[in-house]
């Protein structure tokens, strides 16, 4: 395998984590580096009382993300990373990849926004979803509430705005393939894996 960074980009609610699992099973030398995992790690470690404090931790998590990416590149590890990437991250990732001569492959996951919103809503209400994503104040020792009463749940208007105004559906770095995941049953996983195998 070449030195490669695989980016699973695109809209929220498209199943990027599930796709990452499938790809890692096929290419077990890949290591997952997830911005959300780092955010959740920091939320548990430090906690936050306001949206401003939450945003500060998110910025701190992104700094750690790039540092961990560079550490992996120094060790010549190949990575897979899942997030709704946008122009905010594009330059930093591109510079690191160029510095360490890494090939980038982007799998951009898109779909019908109405369908994706319903998936995202169900994901936020699932017990496996970290509380930090859906609350304006969080500490690991907090007594949790009914998830449906969380005070930072995305409504459709905000979800639509994020999908259409942040460039998630246009993000590309390196060789890029776009996959419509509106209907999970129609996703051609063997074709995606073959595309990757041809690249790396």
N, C-alpha and C. Protein backbone atom coordinates (compact mmCIF):
# COMPACT_ATOMS: atom_id res chain seq x y z
N UNK A 1 0.83 -1.20 0.00
CA UNK A 1 0.00 0.00 0.00
C UNK A 1 0.86 1.25 0.00
N UNK A 2 0.49 2.21 -0.83
CA UNK A 2 1.19 3.49 -0.85
C UNK A 2 0.91 4.25 0.44
N UNK A 3 1.65 5.33 0.66
CA UNK A 3 1.33 6.22 1.77
C UNK A 3 0.06 6.98 1.37
N UNK A 4 -1.04 6.69 2.04
CA UNK A 4 -2.32 7.21 1.58
C UNK A 4 -3.14 7.77 2.73
N UNK A 5 -3.89 8.82 2.42
CA UNK A 5 -4.88 9.38 3.32
C UNK A 5 -6.23 9.31 2.61
N UNK A 6 -7.14 8.54 3.17
CA UNK A 6 -8.48 8.41 2.60
C UNK A 6 -9.43 9.28 3.40
N UNK A 7 -10.10 10.20 2.72
CA UNK A 7 -11.05 11.09 3.36
C UNK A 7 -12.47 10.66 3.01
N UNK A 8 -13.27 10.38 4.02
CA UNK A 8 -14.69 10.12 3.82
C UNK A 8 -15.41 11.42 4.13
N UNK A 9 -15.79 12.11 3.08
CA UNK A 9 -16.35 13.45 3.20
C UNK A 9 -17.83 13.44 2.83
N UNK A 10 -18.43 14.64 2.77
CA UNK A 10 -19.82 14.75 2.34
C UNK A 10 -20.76 15.15 3.46
N UNK A 11 -22.05 15.05 3.18
CA UNK A 11 -23.08 15.52 4.10
C UNK A 11 -23.10 14.72 5.41
N UNK A 12 -23.61 15.34 6.48
CA UNK A 12 -23.89 14.57 7.71
C UNK A 12 -24.98 13.53 7.43
N UNK A 13 -25.00 12.49 8.22
CA UNK A 13 -26.05 11.49 8.09
C UNK A 13 -25.91 10.54 6.93
N UNK A 14 -24.69 10.47 6.36
CA UNK A 14 -24.49 9.63 5.19
C UNK A 14 -23.84 8.29 5.51
N UNK A 15 -23.53 8.04 6.77
CA UNK A 15 -22.96 6.75 7.14
C UNK A 15 -21.47 6.64 6.92
N UNK A 16 -20.76 7.73 7.16
CA UNK A 16 -19.31 7.73 6.94
C UNK A 16 -18.58 6.75 7.86
N UNK A 17 -19.03 6.67 9.11
CA UNK A 17 -18.38 5.74 10.05
C UNK A 17 -18.58 4.29 9.61
N UNK A 18 -19.77 3.99 9.14
CA UNK A 18 -20.06 2.63 8.63
C UNK A 18 -19.19 2.33 7.42
N UNK A 19 -19.06 3.30 6.53
CA UNK A 19 -18.21 3.12 5.34
C UNK A 19 -16.75 2.92 5.75
N UNK A 20 -16.32 3.66 6.75
CA UNK A 20 -14.94 3.51 7.24
C UNK A 20 -14.68 2.09 7.72
N UNK A 21 -15.64 1.51 8.45
CA UNK A 21 -15.49 0.15 8.96
C UNK A 21 -15.33 -0.85 7.81
N UNK A 22 -16.12 -0.68 6.76
CA UNK A 22 -16.05 -1.58 5.61
C UNK A 22 -14.69 -1.47 4.93
N UNK A 23 -14.21 -0.25 4.78
CA UNK A 23 -12.92 -0.04 4.10
C UNK A 23 -11.77 -0.59 4.94
N UNK A 24 -11.83 -0.40 6.24
CA UNK A 24 -10.75 -0.90 7.11
C UNK A 24 -10.71 -2.42 7.11
N UNK A 25 -11.87 -3.06 7.01
CA UNK A 25 -11.88 -4.53 6.92
C UNK A 25 -11.17 -5.00 5.66
N UNK A 26 -11.33 -4.23 4.59
CA UNK A 26 -10.68 -4.58 3.33
C UNK A 26 -9.19 -4.22 3.35
N UNK A 27 -8.87 -3.10 3.99
CA UNK A 27 -7.48 -2.62 4.04
C UNK A 27 -7.09 -2.42 5.51
N UNK A 28 -6.78 -3.52 6.22
CA UNK A 28 -6.56 -3.45 7.67
C UNK A 28 -5.34 -2.63 8.11
N UNK A 29 -4.47 -2.26 7.17
CA UNK A 29 -3.32 -1.42 7.54
C UNK A 29 -3.73 0.03 7.76
N UNK A 30 -4.93 0.39 7.34
CA UNK A 30 -5.40 1.75 7.54
C UNK A 30 -5.73 1.98 9.02
N UNK A 31 -5.39 3.18 9.51
CA UNK A 31 -5.77 3.56 10.88
C UNK A 31 -6.76 4.70 10.82
N UNK A 32 -7.81 4.58 11.62
CA UNK A 32 -8.84 5.62 11.65
C UNK A 32 -8.39 6.81 12.48
N UNK A 33 -8.50 8.00 11.91
CA UNK A 33 -8.26 9.24 12.65
C UNK A 33 -9.51 10.10 12.45
N UNK A 34 -10.32 10.21 13.48
CA UNK A 34 -11.63 10.87 13.36
C UNK A 34 -11.65 12.16 14.17
N UNK A 35 -11.95 13.30 13.55
CA UNK A 35 -12.10 14.55 14.30
C UNK A 35 -13.15 14.44 15.40
N UNK A 36 -14.25 13.76 15.13
CA UNK A 36 -15.30 13.64 16.14
C UNK A 36 -14.82 12.84 17.35
N UNK A 37 -14.01 11.83 17.12
CA UNK A 37 -13.47 11.05 18.25
C UNK A 37 -12.65 11.95 19.17
N UNK A 38 -11.87 12.85 18.58
CA UNK A 38 -11.03 13.75 19.37
C UNK A 38 -11.90 14.77 20.10
N UNK A 39 -12.91 15.30 19.42
CA UNK A 39 -13.84 16.22 20.10
C UNK A 39 -14.46 15.55 21.32
N UNK A 40 -14.93 14.34 21.15
CA UNK A 40 -15.59 13.63 22.24
C UNK A 40 -14.61 13.34 23.38
N UNK A 41 -13.37 13.03 23.01
CA UNK A 41 -12.32 12.82 24.01
C UNK A 41 -12.11 14.08 24.85
N UNK A 42 -12.08 15.23 24.21
CA UNK A 42 -11.86 16.50 24.91
C UNK A 42 -13.09 16.91 25.71
N UNK A 43 -14.29 16.64 25.18
CA UNK A 43 -15.51 16.96 25.93
C UNK A 43 -15.55 16.16 27.23
N UNK A 44 -15.16 14.89 27.16
CA UNK A 44 -15.14 14.07 28.37
C UNK A 44 -14.06 14.53 29.34
N UNK A 45 -12.93 14.94 28.82
CA UNK A 45 -11.80 15.33 29.67
C UNK A 45 -12.03 16.67 30.35
N UNK A 46 -12.54 17.66 29.59
CA UNK A 46 -12.64 19.02 30.11
C UNK A 46 -14.07 19.46 30.44
N UNK A 47 -15.04 18.99 29.68
CA UNK A 47 -16.41 19.45 29.84
C UNK A 47 -16.56 20.89 29.37
N UNK A 48 -17.81 21.33 29.24
CA UNK A 48 -18.08 22.73 28.85
C UNK A 48 -19.41 23.17 29.42
N UNK A 49 -19.51 24.47 29.71
CA UNK A 49 -20.72 25.03 30.30
C UNK A 49 -21.49 25.94 29.36
N UNK A 50 -20.85 26.35 28.28
CA UNK A 50 -21.50 27.23 27.31
C UNK A 50 -21.11 26.82 25.90
N UNK A 51 -21.84 27.33 24.91
CA UNK A 51 -21.49 27.05 23.52
C UNK A 51 -20.13 27.63 23.18
N UNK A 52 -19.78 28.74 23.82
CA UNK A 52 -18.46 29.34 23.58
C UNK A 52 -17.35 28.41 24.06
N UNK A 53 -17.52 27.82 25.24
CA UNK A 53 -16.52 26.88 25.75
C UNK A 53 -16.48 25.63 24.88
N UNK A 54 -17.64 25.21 24.41
CA UNK A 54 -17.70 24.05 23.52
C UNK A 54 -16.91 24.33 22.24
N UNK A 55 -17.08 25.52 21.68
CA UNK A 55 -16.38 25.89 20.46
C UNK A 55 -14.87 25.95 20.69
N UNK A 56 -14.45 26.41 21.85
CA UNK A 56 -13.02 26.45 22.18
C UNK A 56 -12.44 25.04 22.19
N UNK A 57 -13.19 24.09 22.74
CA UNK A 57 -12.73 22.70 22.76
C UNK A 57 -12.70 22.11 21.36
N UNK A 58 -13.65 22.49 20.53
CA UNK A 58 -13.66 22.01 19.15
C UNK A 58 -12.42 22.50 18.41
N UNK A 59 -12.06 23.76 18.61
CA UNK A 59 -10.85 24.31 17.98
C UNK A 59 -9.60 23.58 18.51
N UNK A 60 -9.59 23.29 19.79
CA UNK A 60 -8.48 22.56 20.39
C UNK A 60 -8.39 21.15 19.81
N UNK A 61 -9.56 20.54 19.56
CA UNK A 61 -9.60 19.20 18.99
C UNK A 61 -9.05 19.21 17.56
N UNK A 62 -9.38 20.23 16.79
CA UNK A 62 -8.86 20.31 15.42
C UNK A 62 -7.34 20.47 15.42
N UNK A 63 -6.82 21.25 16.35
CA UNK A 63 -5.36 21.38 16.46
C UNK A 63 -4.73 20.02 16.75
N UNK A 64 -5.34 19.28 17.66
CA UNK A 64 -4.83 17.94 17.99
C UNK A 64 -4.96 17.00 16.79
N UNK A 65 -6.02 17.16 16.03
CA UNK A 65 -6.24 16.32 14.84
C UNK A 65 -5.09 16.47 13.85
N UNK A 66 -4.72 17.70 13.56
CA UNK A 66 -3.62 17.92 12.61
C UNK A 66 -2.29 17.45 13.18
N UNK A 67 -2.11 17.61 14.48
CA UNK A 67 -0.88 17.13 15.12
C UNK A 67 -0.78 15.61 15.05
N UNK A 68 -1.90 14.94 15.29
CA UNK A 68 -1.90 13.47 15.24
C UNK A 68 -1.75 12.97 13.81
N UNK A 69 -2.30 13.72 12.87
CA UNK A 69 -2.12 13.36 11.46
C UNK A 69 -0.64 13.47 11.09
N UNK A 70 0.00 14.52 11.51
CA UNK A 70 1.41 14.69 11.19
C UNK A 70 2.26 13.61 11.85
N UNK A 71 1.94 13.26 13.09
CA UNK A 71 2.66 12.19 13.77
C UNK A 71 2.53 10.87 13.00
N UNK A 72 1.33 10.60 12.50
CA UNK A 72 1.11 9.38 11.72
C UNK A 72 1.90 9.42 10.41
N UNK A 73 1.93 10.57 9.78
CA UNK A 73 2.68 10.71 8.53
C UNK A 73 4.18 10.52 8.77
N UNK A 74 4.66 11.01 9.90
CA UNK A 74 6.08 10.83 10.24
C UNK A 74 6.41 9.34 10.40
N UNK A 75 5.42 8.57 10.86
CA UNK A 75 5.60 7.12 11.03
C UNK A 75 5.23 6.35 9.76
N UNK A 76 4.87 7.09 8.70
CA UNK A 76 4.48 6.51 7.41
C UNK A 76 3.26 5.60 7.51
N UNK A 77 2.35 5.94 8.43
CA UNK A 77 1.09 5.21 8.56
C UNK A 77 0.09 5.73 7.54
N UNK A 78 -0.71 4.85 7.02
CA UNK A 78 -1.81 5.26 6.15
C UNK A 78 -3.07 5.44 6.98
N UNK A 79 -3.83 6.48 6.67
CA UNK A 79 -4.97 6.87 7.50
C UNK A 79 -6.26 6.90 6.70
N UNK A 80 -7.37 6.72 7.43
CA UNK A 80 -8.69 7.01 6.89
C UNK A 80 -9.36 7.94 7.89
N UNK A 81 -10.03 8.97 7.38
CA UNK A 81 -10.61 9.98 8.25
C UNK A 81 -12.01 10.33 7.76
N UNK A 82 -12.97 10.37 8.69
CA UNK A 82 -14.37 10.62 8.32
C UNK A 82 -14.89 11.89 8.98
N UNK A 83 -15.46 12.78 8.14
CA UNK A 83 -15.99 14.05 8.64
C UNK A 83 -16.66 14.78 7.47
N UNK A 84 -17.63 15.67 7.75
CA UNK A 84 -18.15 16.52 6.67
C UNK A 84 -17.15 17.63 6.35
N UNK A 85 -16.06 17.26 5.73
CA UNK A 85 -14.99 18.22 5.47
C UNK A 85 -15.46 19.38 4.59
N UNK A 86 -14.82 20.54 4.78
CA UNK A 86 -15.14 21.73 3.99
C UNK A 86 -13.85 22.49 3.71
N UNK A 87 -13.98 23.68 3.16
CA UNK A 87 -12.80 24.51 2.86
C UNK A 87 -12.03 24.85 4.13
N UNK A 88 -12.67 24.77 5.30
CA UNK A 88 -11.99 25.08 6.55
C UNK A 88 -10.80 24.15 6.78
N UNK A 89 -10.94 22.90 6.39
CA UNK A 89 -9.88 21.91 6.63
C UNK A 89 -9.02 21.64 5.40
N UNK A 90 -9.49 22.04 4.25
CA UNK A 90 -8.85 21.62 3.00
C UNK A 90 -7.38 22.00 2.93
N UNK A 91 -7.07 23.25 3.19
CA UNK A 91 -5.69 23.74 3.05
C UNK A 91 -4.74 23.03 4.01
N UNK A 92 -5.16 22.87 5.26
CA UNK A 92 -4.28 22.24 6.26
C UNK A 92 -3.98 20.79 5.92
N UNK A 93 -5.01 20.06 5.49
CA UNK A 93 -4.81 18.65 5.13
C UNK A 93 -3.93 18.55 3.89
N UNK A 94 -4.20 19.39 2.91
CA UNK A 94 -3.44 19.36 1.66
C UNK A 94 -1.96 19.65 1.90
N UNK A 95 -1.67 20.62 2.74
CA UNK A 95 -0.27 20.98 3.03
C UNK A 95 0.47 19.84 3.71
N UNK A 96 -0.18 19.19 4.68
CA UNK A 96 0.46 18.06 5.36
C UNK A 96 0.71 16.91 4.40
N UNK A 97 -0.26 16.63 3.55
CA UNK A 97 -0.10 15.53 2.58
C UNK A 97 1.03 15.82 1.61
N UNK A 98 1.12 17.05 1.17
CA UNK A 98 2.20 17.42 0.25
C UNK A 98 3.55 17.36 0.94
N UNK A 99 3.61 17.82 2.18
CA UNK A 99 4.87 17.83 2.93
C UNK A 99 5.45 16.43 3.09
N UNK A 100 4.56 15.46 3.36
CA UNK A 100 5.02 14.09 3.61
C UNK A 100 4.78 13.16 2.43
N UNK A 101 4.43 13.74 1.29
CA UNK A 101 4.26 13.01 0.04
C UNK A 101 3.23 11.88 0.18
N UNK A 102 2.07 12.26 0.68
CA UNK A 102 0.96 11.32 0.82
C UNK A 102 -0.04 11.50 -0.32
N UNK A 103 -0.55 10.40 -0.80
CA UNK A 103 -1.62 10.44 -1.78
C UNK A 103 -2.95 10.57 -1.04
N UNK A 104 -3.83 11.41 -1.55
CA UNK A 104 -5.15 11.58 -0.95
C UNK A 104 -6.21 11.01 -1.89
N UNK A 105 -7.13 10.26 -1.31
CA UNK A 105 -8.32 9.80 -2.03
C UNK A 105 -9.55 10.24 -1.24
N UNK A 106 -10.49 10.87 -1.91
CA UNK A 106 -11.70 11.34 -1.25
C UNK A 106 -12.91 10.55 -1.74
N UNK A 107 -13.66 10.02 -0.79
CA UNK A 107 -14.96 9.42 -1.10
C UNK A 107 -16.00 10.39 -0.54
N UNK A 108 -16.72 11.04 -1.42
CA UNK A 108 -17.69 12.06 -1.01
C UNK A 108 -19.09 11.45 -1.00
N UNK A 109 -19.70 11.39 0.18
CA UNK A 109 -21.00 10.78 0.34
C UNK A 109 -22.08 11.86 0.35
N UNK A 110 -23.05 11.70 -0.54
CA UNK A 110 -24.14 12.67 -0.67
C UNK A 110 -25.47 11.93 -0.67
N UNK A 111 -26.56 12.69 -0.68
CA UNK A 111 -27.87 12.08 -0.71
C UNK A 111 -28.96 13.13 -0.62
N UNK A 112 -30.19 12.67 -0.63
CA UNK A 112 -31.32 13.58 -0.52
C UNK A 112 -31.38 14.12 0.91
N UNK A 113 -31.41 15.44 1.02
CA UNK A 113 -31.28 16.09 2.33
C UNK A 113 -32.39 15.68 3.29
N UNK A 114 -33.62 15.53 2.79
CA UNK A 114 -34.72 15.12 3.66
C UNK A 114 -34.44 13.77 4.31
N UNK A 115 -33.93 12.84 3.51
CA UNK A 115 -33.62 11.50 4.02
C UNK A 115 -32.46 11.57 5.02
N UNK A 116 -31.45 12.35 4.68
CA UNK A 116 -30.28 12.45 5.56
C UNK A 116 -30.63 13.10 6.89
N UNK A 117 -31.54 14.07 6.86
CA UNK A 117 -31.96 14.71 8.11
C UNK A 117 -32.61 13.70 9.05
N UNK A 118 -33.46 12.85 8.51
CA UNK A 118 -34.12 11.84 9.34
C UNK A 118 -33.09 10.88 9.94
N UNK A 119 -32.08 10.54 9.15
CA UNK A 119 -31.02 9.65 9.67
C UNK A 119 -30.24 10.35 10.77
N UNK A 120 -29.91 11.63 10.54
CA UNK A 120 -29.15 12.37 11.53
C UNK A 120 -29.95 12.52 12.82
N UNK A 121 -31.25 12.75 12.69
CA UNK A 121 -32.12 12.89 13.87
C UNK A 121 -32.12 11.60 14.68
N UNK A 122 -32.26 10.48 13.99
CA UNK A 122 -32.24 9.19 14.68
C UNK A 122 -30.88 8.91 15.31
N UNK A 123 -29.83 9.33 14.63
CA UNK A 123 -28.48 9.14 15.17
C UNK A 123 -28.31 9.94 16.46
N UNK A 124 -28.79 11.19 16.47
CA UNK A 124 -28.65 12.03 17.66
C UNK A 124 -29.44 11.47 18.84
N UNK A 125 -30.51 10.75 18.56
CA UNK A 125 -31.34 10.20 19.63
C UNK A 125 -30.87 8.82 20.09
N UNK A 126 -29.91 8.25 19.37
CA UNK A 126 -29.40 6.92 19.71
C UNK A 126 -28.45 7.00 20.91
N UNK A 127 -28.50 6.03 21.78
CA UNK A 127 -27.68 6.04 22.99
C UNK A 127 -26.18 6.01 22.70
N UNK A 128 -25.80 5.57 21.50
CA UNK A 128 -24.37 5.51 21.17
C UNK A 128 -23.81 6.89 20.80
N UNK A 129 -24.69 7.85 20.56
CA UNK A 129 -24.26 9.19 20.17
C UNK A 129 -23.78 9.95 21.40
N UNK A 130 -22.60 10.55 21.31
CA UNK A 130 -22.03 11.28 22.44
C UNK A 130 -22.92 12.48 22.78
N UNK A 131 -23.16 12.67 24.09
CA UNK A 131 -24.02 13.76 24.54
C UNK A 131 -23.49 15.14 24.13
N UNK A 132 -22.18 15.27 24.00
CA UNK A 132 -21.60 16.57 23.67
C UNK A 132 -22.11 17.15 22.36
N UNK A 133 -22.56 16.30 21.44
CA UNK A 133 -23.05 16.78 20.15
C UNK A 133 -24.41 17.46 20.26
N UNK A 134 -25.17 17.14 21.30
CA UNK A 134 -26.56 17.58 21.34
C UNK A 134 -26.90 18.44 22.56
N UNK A 135 -25.87 18.85 23.31
CA UNK A 135 -26.09 19.68 24.49
C UNK A 135 -25.26 20.97 24.42
N UNK A 136 -25.76 22.02 25.06
CA UNK A 136 -25.00 23.28 25.14
C UNK A 136 -24.13 23.32 26.39
N UNK A 137 -24.31 22.37 27.29
CA UNK A 137 -23.49 22.24 28.49
C UNK A 137 -23.32 20.76 28.78
N UNK A 138 -22.07 20.35 29.03
CA UNK A 138 -21.82 18.92 29.21
C UNK A 138 -20.63 18.69 30.12
N UNK A 139 -20.79 17.78 31.06
CA UNK A 139 -19.69 17.22 31.84
C UNK A 139 -19.94 15.73 31.96
N UNK A 140 -18.90 14.95 31.88
CA UNK A 140 -19.04 13.49 31.82
C UNK A 140 -19.81 12.95 33.02
N UNK A 141 -19.71 13.61 34.16
CA UNK A 141 -20.37 13.13 35.37
C UNK A 141 -21.83 13.58 35.46
N UNK A 142 -22.30 14.38 34.48
CA UNK A 142 -23.66 14.89 34.52
C UNK A 142 -24.69 13.76 34.50
N UNK A 143 -25.82 14.03 35.15
CA UNK A 143 -26.97 13.13 35.03
C UNK A 143 -27.65 13.45 33.70
N UNK A 144 -27.83 12.45 32.86
CA UNK A 144 -28.37 12.67 31.52
C UNK A 144 -29.89 12.81 31.56
N UNK A 145 -30.41 13.47 30.54
CA UNK A 145 -31.84 13.66 30.41
C UNK A 145 -32.37 12.80 29.26
N UNK A 146 -33.66 12.87 29.02
CA UNK A 146 -34.24 12.26 27.83
C UNK A 146 -33.62 12.94 26.61
N UNK A 147 -33.07 12.17 25.69
CA UNK A 147 -32.38 12.75 24.54
C UNK A 147 -33.28 13.68 23.73
N UNK A 148 -34.56 13.40 23.70
CA UNK A 148 -35.47 14.24 22.92
C UNK A 148 -35.58 15.64 23.51
N UNK A 149 -35.14 15.81 24.76
CA UNK A 149 -35.18 17.13 25.42
C UNK A 149 -33.83 17.83 25.39
N UNK A 150 -32.85 17.26 24.70
CA UNK A 150 -31.54 17.89 24.60
C UNK A 150 -31.68 19.27 23.95
N UNK A 151 -30.89 20.24 24.42
CA UNK A 151 -31.10 21.63 23.99
C UNK A 151 -30.26 22.07 22.79
N UNK A 152 -29.57 21.13 22.17
CA UNK A 152 -28.77 21.52 21.00
C UNK A 152 -28.97 20.56 19.83
N UNK A 153 -30.19 20.02 19.75
CA UNK A 153 -30.53 19.14 18.62
C UNK A 153 -30.69 19.98 17.36
N UNK A 154 -30.23 19.44 16.24
CA UNK A 154 -30.38 20.14 14.96
C UNK A 154 -31.82 20.08 14.48
N UNK A 155 -32.36 21.23 14.06
CA UNK A 155 -33.65 21.20 13.38
C UNK A 155 -33.40 21.14 11.87
N UNK A 156 -34.46 20.93 11.12
CA UNK A 156 -34.29 20.75 9.68
C UNK A 156 -33.70 21.99 9.01
N UNK A 157 -34.12 23.17 9.45
CA UNK A 157 -33.63 24.41 8.85
C UNK A 157 -32.12 24.53 8.97
N UNK A 158 -31.60 24.25 10.16
CA UNK A 158 -30.16 24.35 10.38
C UNK A 158 -29.42 23.25 9.63
N UNK A 159 -29.98 22.05 9.62
CA UNK A 159 -29.37 20.94 8.90
C UNK A 159 -29.26 21.27 7.42
N UNK A 160 -30.35 21.77 6.85
CA UNK A 160 -30.37 22.14 5.42
C UNK A 160 -29.33 23.23 5.14
N UNK A 161 -29.26 24.20 6.03
CA UNK A 161 -28.29 25.30 5.86
C UNK A 161 -26.86 24.77 5.84
N UNK A 162 -26.56 23.88 6.77
CA UNK A 162 -25.20 23.32 6.83
C UNK A 162 -24.86 22.54 5.56
N UNK A 163 -25.82 21.76 5.09
CA UNK A 163 -25.59 20.93 3.91
C UNK A 163 -25.40 21.76 2.65
N UNK A 164 -26.11 22.88 2.56
CA UNK A 164 -26.12 23.64 1.31
C UNK A 164 -25.16 24.83 1.31
N UNK A 165 -24.70 25.26 2.49
CA UNK A 165 -23.88 26.48 2.53
C UNK A 165 -22.44 26.25 2.98
N UNK A 166 -22.10 25.06 3.42
CA UNK A 166 -20.75 24.82 3.93
C UNK A 166 -19.84 24.09 2.94
N UNK A 167 -20.37 23.76 1.78
CA UNK A 167 -19.54 23.12 0.77
C UNK A 167 -19.27 21.65 0.99
N UNK A 168 -20.04 21.01 1.87
CA UNK A 168 -19.84 19.58 2.12
C UNK A 168 -19.98 18.76 0.84
N UNK A 169 -20.94 19.13 0.01
CA UNK A 169 -21.23 18.35 -1.19
C UNK A 169 -20.28 18.60 -2.34
N UNK A 170 -19.37 19.56 -2.15
CA UNK A 170 -18.41 19.87 -3.22
C UNK A 170 -16.97 19.56 -2.80
N UNK A 171 -16.77 19.15 -1.56
CA UNK A 171 -15.40 18.95 -1.07
C UNK A 171 -14.67 17.88 -1.89
N UNK A 172 -13.43 18.20 -2.24
CA UNK A 172 -12.60 17.24 -2.96
C UNK A 172 -11.13 17.50 -2.68
N UNK A 173 -10.39 16.45 -2.49
CA UNK A 173 -8.92 16.49 -2.41
C UNK A 173 -8.40 15.21 -3.04
N UNK A 174 -7.42 15.35 -3.91
CA UNK A 174 -6.87 14.17 -4.58
C UNK A 174 -7.89 13.55 -5.51
N UNK A 175 -7.72 12.25 -5.75
CA UNK A 175 -8.69 11.51 -6.56
C UNK A 175 -10.00 11.41 -5.79
N UNK A 176 -11.11 11.71 -6.45
CA UNK A 176 -12.40 11.78 -5.75
C UNK A 176 -13.47 10.97 -6.47
N UNK A 177 -14.24 10.25 -5.67
CA UNK A 177 -15.42 9.55 -6.17
C UNK A 177 -16.61 9.99 -5.34
N UNK A 178 -17.76 10.19 -5.97
CA UNK A 178 -18.97 10.58 -5.25
C UNK A 178 -19.93 9.40 -5.20
N UNK A 179 -20.53 9.19 -4.02
CA UNK A 179 -21.45 8.08 -3.82
C UNK A 179 -22.76 8.62 -3.25
N UNK A 180 -23.87 8.32 -3.93
CA UNK A 180 -25.19 8.69 -3.43
C UNK A 180 -25.66 7.61 -2.47
N UNK A 181 -25.90 8.00 -1.22
CA UNK A 181 -26.28 7.01 -0.19
C UNK A 181 -27.73 7.19 0.24
N UNK A 182 -28.54 7.82 -0.61
CA UNK A 182 -29.96 8.01 -0.26
C UNK A 182 -30.64 6.67 0.03
N UNK A 183 -30.25 5.64 -0.73
CA UNK A 183 -30.78 4.29 -0.53
C UNK A 183 -29.60 3.37 -0.24
N UNK A 184 -29.47 2.95 1.01
CA UNK A 184 -28.33 2.11 1.40
C UNK A 184 -28.25 0.83 0.58
N UNK A 185 -29.41 0.30 0.18
CA UNK A 185 -29.43 -0.96 -0.56
C UNK A 185 -28.83 -0.83 -1.96
N UNK A 186 -28.71 0.39 -2.44
CA UNK A 186 -28.19 0.60 -3.79
C UNK A 186 -26.70 0.97 -3.81
N UNK A 187 -26.07 1.02 -2.65
CA UNK A 187 -24.65 1.35 -2.60
C UNK A 187 -23.83 0.16 -3.07
N UNK A 188 -22.97 0.40 -4.04
CA UNK A 188 -22.14 -0.67 -4.60
C UNK A 188 -20.79 -0.68 -3.89
N UNK A 189 -20.75 -1.34 -2.74
CA UNK A 189 -19.53 -1.37 -1.94
C UNK A 189 -18.36 -2.03 -2.67
N UNK A 190 -18.57 -3.15 -3.38
CA UNK A 190 -17.45 -3.74 -4.12
C UNK A 190 -16.83 -2.78 -5.13
N UNK A 191 -17.67 -1.99 -5.77
CA UNK A 191 -17.16 -1.02 -6.75
C UNK A 191 -16.31 0.06 -6.07
N UNK A 192 -16.76 0.51 -4.90
CA UNK A 192 -16.01 1.53 -4.15
C UNK A 192 -14.66 0.95 -3.69
N UNK A 193 -14.68 -0.27 -3.18
CA UNK A 193 -13.45 -0.90 -2.72
C UNK A 193 -12.49 -1.16 -3.88
N UNK A 194 -13.02 -1.52 -5.03
CA UNK A 194 -12.18 -1.73 -6.20
C UNK A 194 -11.57 -0.42 -6.65
N UNK A 195 -12.34 0.66 -6.60
CA UNK A 195 -11.82 1.98 -6.97
C UNK A 195 -10.65 2.35 -6.07
N UNK A 196 -10.80 2.09 -4.78
CA UNK A 196 -9.71 2.38 -3.85
C UNK A 196 -8.50 1.51 -4.11
N UNK A 197 -8.75 0.23 -4.32
CA UNK A 197 -7.64 -0.71 -4.56
C UNK A 197 -6.83 -0.27 -5.79
N UNK A 198 -7.50 0.23 -6.81
CA UNK A 198 -6.81 0.69 -8.01
C UNK A 198 -5.96 1.94 -7.73
N UNK A 199 -6.37 2.70 -6.72
CA UNK A 199 -5.65 3.94 -6.41
C UNK A 199 -4.48 3.73 -5.46
N UNK A 200 -4.63 2.78 -4.55
CA UNK A 200 -3.62 2.68 -3.48
C UNK A 200 -2.79 1.40 -3.58
